[in-house]
PDB file of N, CA and C in Angstrom:
ATOM      1  N   UNK A   1       0.991  -1.144  -0.108  1.00  0.00           N
ATOM      2  CA  UNK A   1       0.081   0.155   0.005  1.00  0.00           C
ATOM      3  C   UNK A   1       0.853   1.406  -0.110  1.00  0.00           C
ATOM      4  N   UNK A   2       0.522   2.282  -0.865  1.00  0.00           N
ATOM      5  CA  UNK A   2       1.544   3.320  -0.991  1.00  0.00           C
ATOM      6  C   UNK A   2       1.253   4.433   0.048  1.00  0.00           C
ATOM      7  N   UNK A   3       2.036   4.947   0.672  1.00  0.00           N
ATOM      8  CA  UNK A   3       1.734   5.937   1.586  1.00  0.00           C
ATOM      9  C   UNK A   3       1.976   7.427   1.153  1.00  0.00           C
ATOM     10  N   UNK A   4       2.078   7.579  -0.197  1.00  0.00           N
ATOM     11  CA  UNK A   4       1.808   8.917  -1.116  1.00  0.00           C
ATOM     12  C   UNK A   4       0.456   9.392  -0.967  1.00  0.00           C
ATOM     13  N   UNK A   5       0.718  10.657  -0.572  1.00  0.00           N
ATOM     14  CA  UNK A   5      -0.613  11.295  -0.548  1.00  0.00           C
ATOM     15  C   UNK A   5      -1.309  11.379  -1.753  1.00  0.00           C
ATOM     16  N   UNK A   6      -2.594  11.137  -2.070  1.00  0.00           N
ATOM     17  CA  UNK A   6      -3.089  11.482  -3.445  1.00  0.00           C
ATOM     18  C   UNK A   6      -3.380  12.935  -3.441  1.00  0.00           C
ATOM     19  N   UNK A   7      -3.541  13.288  -4.904  1.00  0.00           N
ATOM     20  CA  UNK A   7      -3.864  14.843  -5.211  1.00  0.00           C
ATOM     21  C   UNK A   7      -5.299  15.030  -4.826  1.00  0.00           C
ATOM     22  N   UNK A   8      -5.532  16.212  -4.159  1.00  0.00           N
ATOM     23  CA  UNK A   8      -7.025  16.439  -3.780  1.00  0.00           C
ATOM     24  C   UNK A   8      -8.280  16.677  -4.732  1.00  0.00           C
ATOM     25  N   UNK A   9      -7.807  16.847  -6.015  1.00  0.00           N
ATOM     26  CA  UNK A   9      -8.740  17.054  -6.833  1.00  0.00           C
ATOM     27  C   UNK A   9      -8.390  16.122  -7.973  1.00  0.00           C
ATOM     28  N   UNK A  10      -9.470  15.301  -8.693  1.00  0.00           N
ATOM     29  CA  UNK A  10      -9.531  14.390  -9.522  1.00  0.00           C
ATOM     30  C   UNK A  10     -10.410  14.761 -10.839  1.00  0.00           C
ATOM     31  N   UNK A  11     -10.079  15.330 -11.825  1.00  0.00           N
ATOM     32  CA  UNK A  11     -10.704  15.352 -13.204  1.00  0.00           C
ATOM     33  C   UNK A  11     -10.944  13.934 -14.035  1.00  0.00           C
ATOM     34  N   UNK A  12     -11.961  13.636 -14.174  1.00  0.00           N
ATOM     35  CA  UNK A  12     -12.372  12.361 -15.019  1.00  0.00           C
ATOM     36  C   UNK A  12     -13.511  12.697 -16.069  1.00  0.00           C
ATOM     37  N   UNK A  13     -13.352  11.784 -17.065  1.00  0.00           N
ATOM     38  CA  UNK A  13     -14.207  11.945 -18.261  1.00  0.00           C
ATOM     39  C   UNK A  13     -15.234  10.786 -18.113  1.00  0.00           C
ATOM     40  N   UNK A  14     -16.541  11.049 -18.097  1.00  0.00           N
ATOM     41  CA  UNK A  14     -17.306   9.739 -18.289  1.00  0.00           C
ATOM     42  C   UNK A  14     -17.480   9.398 -19.600  1.00  0.00           C
ATOM     43  N   UNK A  15     -18.312   8.147 -19.903  1.00  0.00           N
ATOM     44  CA  UNK A  15     -18.376   7.470 -21.044  1.00  0.00           C
ATOM     45  C   UNK A  15     -19.199   8.554 -22.135  1.00  0.00           C
ATOM     46  N   UNK A  16     -20.099   9.490 -21.664  1.00  0.00           N
ATOM     47  CA  UNK A  16     -21.038  10.448 -22.445  1.00  0.00           C
ATOM     48  C   UNK A  16     -20.096  11.658 -22.820  1.00  0.00           C
ATOM     49  N   UNK A  17     -18.899  11.590 -22.296  1.00  0.00           N
ATOM     50  CA  UNK A  17     -18.006  12.781 -22.833  1.00  0.00           C
ATOM     51  C   UNK A  17     -17.864  13.927 -21.645  1.00  0.00           C
ATOM     52  N   UNK A  18     -18.894  13.927 -20.639  1.00  0.00           N
ATOM     53  CA  UNK A  18     -18.764  15.148 -19.657  1.00  0.00           C
ATOM     54  C   UNK A  18     -17.753  14.871 -18.704  1.00  0.00           C
ATOM     55  N   UNK A  19     -17.157  15.901 -18.433  1.00  0.00           N
ATOM     56  CA  UNK A  19     -16.055  15.968 -17.403  1.00  0.00           C
ATOM     57  C   UNK A  19     -16.468  16.500 -16.054  1.00  0.00           C
ATOM     58  N   UNK A  20     -16.179  15.670 -15.139  1.00  0.00           N
ATOM     59  CA  UNK A  20     -16.587  15.794 -13.797  1.00  0.00           C
ATOM     60  C   UNK A  20     -15.398  15.771 -12.582  1.00  0.00           C
ATOM     61  N   UNK A  21     -15.496  16.405 -11.355  1.00  0.00           N
ATOM     62  CA  UNK A  21     -14.568  16.570 -10.570  1.00  0.00           C
ATOM     63  C   UNK A  21     -14.933  15.770  -9.365  1.00  0.00           C
ATOM     64  N   UNK A  22     -13.849  14.983  -8.643  1.00  0.00           N
ATOM     65  CA  UNK A  22     -14.098  14.595  -7.475  1.00  0.00           C
ATOM     66  C   UNK A  22     -12.996  15.385  -6.385  1.00  0.00           C
ATOM     67  N   UNK A  23     -13.731  15.651  -5.250  1.00  0.00           N
ATOM     68  CA  UNK A  23     -12.609  16.379  -4.159  1.00  0.00           C
ATOM     69  C   UNK A  23     -12.192  15.120  -3.411  1.00  0.00           C
ATOM     70  N   UNK A  24     -11.126  15.022  -3.041  1.00  0.00           N
ATOM     71  CA  UNK A  24     -10.536  13.725  -2.345  1.00  0.00           C
ATOM     72  C   UNK A  24      -9.913  14.333  -1.119  1.00  0.00           C
ATOM     73  N   UNK A  25     -10.376  13.881   0.066  1.00  0.00           N
ATOM     74  CA  UNK A  25      -9.507  14.108   1.334  1.00  0.00           C
ATOM     75  C   UNK A  25      -8.749  12.720   1.703  1.00  0.00           C
ATOM     76  N   UNK A  26      -7.833  13.249   2.441  1.00  0.00           N
ATOM     77  CA  UNK A  26      -6.761  11.937   2.969  1.00  0.00           C
ATOM     78  C   UNK A  26      -6.617  12.377   4.287  1.00  0.00           C
ATOM     79  N   UNK A  27      -6.917  10.950   5.105  1.00  0.00           N
ATOM     80  CA  UNK A  27      -6.558  11.268   6.528  1.00  0.00           C
ATOM     81  C   UNK A  27      -5.869   9.932   6.943  1.00  0.00           C
ATOM     82  N   UNK A  28      -5.204   9.965   7.991  1.00  0.00           N
ATOM     83  CA  UNK A  28      -4.381   8.826   8.343  1.00  0.00           C
ATOM     84  C   UNK A  28      -5.081   7.884   9.715  1.00  0.00           C
ATOM     85  N   UNK A  29      -5.035   6.564   9.432  1.00  0.00           N
ATOM     86  CA  UNK A  29      -5.746   6.037  10.376  1.00  0.00           C
ATOM     87  C   UNK A  29      -4.619   5.985  11.620  1.00  0.00           C
ATOM     88  N   UNK A  30      -5.014   5.173  12.667  1.00  0.00           N
ATOM     89  CA  UNK A  30      -4.238   4.837  13.951  1.00  0.00           C
ATOM     90  C   UNK A  30      -2.900   4.333  13.620  1.00  0.00           C
ATOM     91  N   UNK A  31      -2.824   3.629  12.505  1.00  0.00           N
ATOM     92  CA  UNK A  31      -1.600   3.019  12.323  1.00  0.00           C
ATOM     93  C   UNK A  31      -0.844   3.664  11.227  1.00  0.00           C
ATOM     94  N   UNK A  32      -1.189   4.687  10.927  1.00  0.00           N
ATOM     95  CA  UNK A  32      -0.397   5.826   9.923  1.00  0.00           C
ATOM     96  C   UNK A  32      -0.699   5.358   8.354  1.00  0.00           C
ATOM     97  N   UNK A  33      -1.797   4.597   8.004  1.00  0.00           N
ATOM     98  CA  UNK A  33      -2.075   4.386   6.792  1.00  0.00           C
ATOM     99  C   UNK A  33      -3.406   5.094   6.167  1.00  0.00           C
ATOM    100  N   UNK A  34      -2.966   5.729   5.010  1.00  0.00           N
ATOM    101  CA  UNK A  34      -3.926   6.820   4.434  1.00  0.00           C
ATOM    102  C   UNK A  34      -5.283   6.365   4.080  1.00  0.00           C
ATOM    103  N   UNK A  35      -6.053   6.930   4.665  1.00  0.00           N
ATOM    104  CA  UNK A  35      -7.499   6.571   4.014  1.00  0.00           C
ATOM    105  C   UNK A  35      -8.194   7.806   3.193  1.00  0.00           C
ATOM    106  N   UNK A  36      -8.631   7.456   2.083  1.00  0.00           N
ATOM    107  CA  UNK A  36      -9.122   8.339   1.147  1.00  0.00           C
ATOM    108  C   UNK A  36     -10.657   8.167   0.972  1.00  0.00           C
ATOM    109  N   UNK A  37     -11.087   9.691   1.182  1.00  0.00           N
ATOM    110  CA  UNK A  37     -12.549   9.593   0.724  1.00  0.00           C
ATOM    111  C   UNK A  37     -12.751  10.472  -0.294  1.00  0.00           C
ATOM    112  N   UNK A  38     -13.642  10.203  -1.347  1.00  0.00           N
ATOM    113  CA  UNK A  38     -14.022  10.970  -2.494  1.00  0.00           C
ATOM    114  C   UNK A  38     -15.470  11.799  -2.576  1.00  0.00           C
ATOM    115  N   UNK A  39     -15.584  12.827  -2.884  1.00  0.00           N
ATOM    116  CA  UNK A  39     -17.097  13.293  -3.268  1.00  0.00           C
ATOM    117  C   UNK A  39     -17.094  13.756  -4.533  1.00  0.00           C
ATOM    118  N   UNK A  40     -17.836  13.430  -5.611  1.00  0.00           N
ATOM    119  CA  UNK A  40     -17.956  13.765  -6.799  1.00  0.00           C
ATOM    120  C   UNK A  40     -18.967  15.085  -6.701  1.00  0.00           C
ATOM    121  N   UNK A  41     -18.588  16.217  -7.399  1.00  0.00           N
ATOM    122  CA  UNK A  41     -19.290  17.252  -7.769  1.00  0.00           C
ATOM    123  C   UNK A  41     -20.461  16.907  -8.573  1.00  0.00           C
ATOM    124  N   UNK A  42     -21.647  17.530  -8.261  1.00  0.00           N
ATOM    125  CA  UNK A  42     -22.946  17.392  -9.290  1.00  0.00           C
ATOM    126  C   UNK A  42     -22.349  18.126 -10.597  1.00  0.00           C
ATOM    127  N   UNK A  43     -21.897  19.154 -10.735  1.00  0.00           N
ATOM    128  CA  UNK A  43     -21.529  20.060 -11.858  1.00  0.00           C
ATOM    129  C   UNK A  43     -20.706  19.279 -12.857  1.00  0.00           C
ATOM    130  N   UNK A  44     -20.921  19.437 -14.098  1.00  0.00           N
ATOM    131  CA  UNK A  44     -20.182  18.700 -15.144  1.00  0.00           C
ATOM    132  C   UNK A  44     -19.570  19.872 -16.231  1.00  0.00           C
ATOM    133  N   UNK A  45     -18.528  19.709 -16.758  1.00  0.00           N
ATOM    134  CA  UNK A  45     -17.819  20.565 -17.678  1.00  0.00           C
ATOM    135  C   UNK A  45     -17.776  19.974 -18.883  1.00  0.00           C
ATOM    136  N   UNK A  46     -17.569  20.939 -20.020  1.00  0.00           N
ATOM    137  CA  UNK A  46     -17.388  20.433 -21.406  1.00  0.00           C
ATOM    138  C   UNK A  46     -16.140  20.087 -21.637  1.00  0.00           C
ATOM    139  N   UNK A  47     -14.899  20.961 -21.235  1.00  0.00           N
ATOM    140  CA  UNK A  47     -13.649  20.451 -21.022  1.00  0.00           C
ATOM    141  C   UNK A  47     -12.798  20.565 -19.947  1.00  0.00           C
ATOM    142  N   UNK A  48     -11.639  19.801 -19.902  1.00  0.00           N
ATOM    143  CA  UNK A  48     -10.861  19.662 -18.728  1.00  0.00           C
ATOM    144  C   UNK A  48     -10.401  21.258 -18.439  1.00  0.00           C
ATOM    145  N   UNK A  49     -10.234  22.026 -19.468  1.00  0.00           N
ATOM    146  CA  UNK A  49      -9.564  23.468 -19.045  1.00  0.00           C
ATOM    147  C   UNK A  49     -10.525  24.108 -18.076  1.00  0.00           C
ATOM    148  N   UNK A  50     -12.082  24.015 -18.470  1.00  0.00           N
ATOM    149  CA  UNK A  50     -12.931  24.616 -17.785  1.00  0.00           C
ATOM    150  C   UNK A  50     -13.014  24.121 -16.352  1.00  0.00           C
ATOM    151  N   UNK A  51     -12.772  22.704 -16.265  1.00  0.00           N
ATOM    152  CA  UNK A  51     -12.898  22.166 -14.718  1.00  0.00           C
ATOM    153  C   UNK A  51     -11.677  22.631 -14.023  1.00  0.00           C
ATOM    154  N   UNK A  52     -10.483  22.893 -14.704  1.00  0.00           N
ATOM    155  CA  UNK A  52      -9.409  23.385 -13.943  1.00  0.00           C
ATOM    156  C   UNK A  52      -9.484  24.770 -13.449  1.00  0.00           C
ATOM    157  N   UNK A  53      -9.991  25.613 -14.511  1.00  0.00           N
ATOM    158  CA  UNK A  53     -10.325  27.087 -13.965  1.00  0.00           C
ATOM    159  C   UNK A  53     -11.411  27.134 -12.841  1.00  0.00           C
ATOM    160  N   UNK A  54     -12.230  26.225 -12.917  1.00  0.00           N
ATOM    161  CA  UNK A  54     -13.300  26.060 -11.816  1.00  0.00           C
ATOM    162  C   UNK A  54     -12.499  25.833 -10.556  1.00  0.00           C
ATOM    163  N   UNK A  55     -11.742  24.890 -10.370  1.00  0.00           N
ATOM    164  CA  UNK A  55     -11.059  24.574  -9.098  1.00  0.00           C
ATOM    165  C   UNK A  55     -10.017  25.477  -8.781  1.00  0.00           C
ATOM    166  N   UNK A  56      -9.501  26.228  -9.841  1.00  0.00           N
ATOM    167  CA  UNK A  56      -8.564  27.295  -9.345  1.00  0.00           C
ATOM    168  C   UNK A  56      -9.431  28.444  -8.634  1.00  0.00           C
ATOM    169  N   UNK A  57     -10.497  28.913  -9.287  1.00  0.00           N
ATOM    170  CA  UNK A  57     -11.460  29.990  -8.881  1.00  0.00           C
ATOM    171  C   UNK A  57     -11.901  29.627  -7.454  1.00  0.00           C
ATOM    172  N   UNK A  58     -12.663  28.577  -7.332  1.00  0.00           N
ATOM    173  CA  UNK A  58     -13.340  28.066  -6.280  1.00  0.00           C
ATOM    174  C   UNK A  58     -12.808  27.519  -5.135  1.00  0.00           C
ATOM    175  N   UNK A  59     -11.707  26.866  -5.369  1.00  0.00           N
ATOM    176  CA  UNK A  59     -10.952  26.240  -4.455  1.00  0.00           C
ATOM    177  C   UNK A  59      -9.676  26.545  -4.060  1.00  0.00           C
ATOM    178  N   UNK A  60      -9.076  27.340  -4.925  1.00  0.00           N
ATOM    179  CA  UNK A  60      -7.718  27.778  -4.948  1.00  0.00           C
ATOM    180  C   UNK A  60      -6.867  26.738  -5.282  1.00  0.00           C
ATOM    181  N   UNK A  61      -7.026  25.849  -6.164  1.00  0.00           N
ATOM    182  CA  UNK A  61      -6.302  24.718  -6.332  1.00  0.00           C
ATOM    183  C   UNK A  61      -5.174  25.269  -7.067  1.00  0.00           C
ATOM    184  N   UNK A  62      -3.779  24.676  -6.862  1.00  0.00           N
ATOM    185  CA  UNK A  62      -2.697  24.996  -7.688  1.00  0.00           C
ATOM    186  C   UNK A  62      -2.455  23.890  -8.590  1.00  0.00           C
ATOM    187  N   UNK A  63      -1.536  24.001  -9.784  1.00  0.00           N
ATOM    188  CA  UNK A  63      -1.437  23.084 -10.644  1.00  0.00           C
ATOM    189  C   UNK A  63      -1.282  21.713 -10.297  1.00  0.00           C
ATOM    190  N   UNK A  64      -0.413  21.720  -9.166  1.00  0.00           N
ATOM    191  CA  UNK A  64       0.216  20.369  -8.652  1.00  0.00           C
ATOM    192  C   UNK A  64      -0.849  19.479  -7.684  1.00  0.00           C
ATOM    193  N   UNK A  65      -1.922  20.173  -7.524  1.00  0.00           N
ATOM    194  CA  UNK A  65      -3.024  19.584  -6.777  1.00  0.00           C
ATOM    195  C   UNK A  65      -4.008  18.873  -7.630  1.00  0.00           C
ATOM    196  N   UNK A  66      -3.975  18.939  -8.981  1.00  0.00           N
ATOM    197  CA  UNK A  66      -4.946  18.563  -9.777  1.00  0.00           C
ATOM    198  C   UNK A  66      -4.538  17.345 -10.627  1.00  0.00           C
ATOM    199  N   UNK A  67      -5.216  15.970 -10.418  1.00  0.00           N
ATOM    200  CA  UNK A  67      -4.874  14.717 -11.345  1.00  0.00           C
ATOM    201  C   UNK A  67      -6.040  14.615 -12.393  1.00  0.00           C
ATOM    202  N   UNK A  68      -5.487  14.347 -13.327  1.00  0.00           N
ATOM    203  CA  UNK A  68      -6.483  13.923 -14.524  1.00  0.00           C
ATOM    204  C   UNK A  68      -6.605  12.375 -14.743  1.00  0.00           C
ATOM    205  N   UNK A  69      -7.776  11.662 -15.016  1.00  0.00           N
ATOM    206  CA  UNK A  69      -7.775  10.323 -15.344  1.00  0.00           C
ATOM    207  C   UNK A  69      -8.698  10.225 -16.464  1.00  0.00           C
TER     208      UNK A  69
END
């Protein structure tokens, strides 16, 4: 199991072509292993660029905080 923290924002594309964002939080259990929970936002975007700009404006995300899948 990796102990590397995951990036807090994940941009994904669903089969219909819409872009969605998942906001992830990482916490450590009592033994030091990371537990990641994820919440997908209801809003969808046409492009990943629009999703990135939304994250920067709304959450103050830096480019290194965003993962794309």
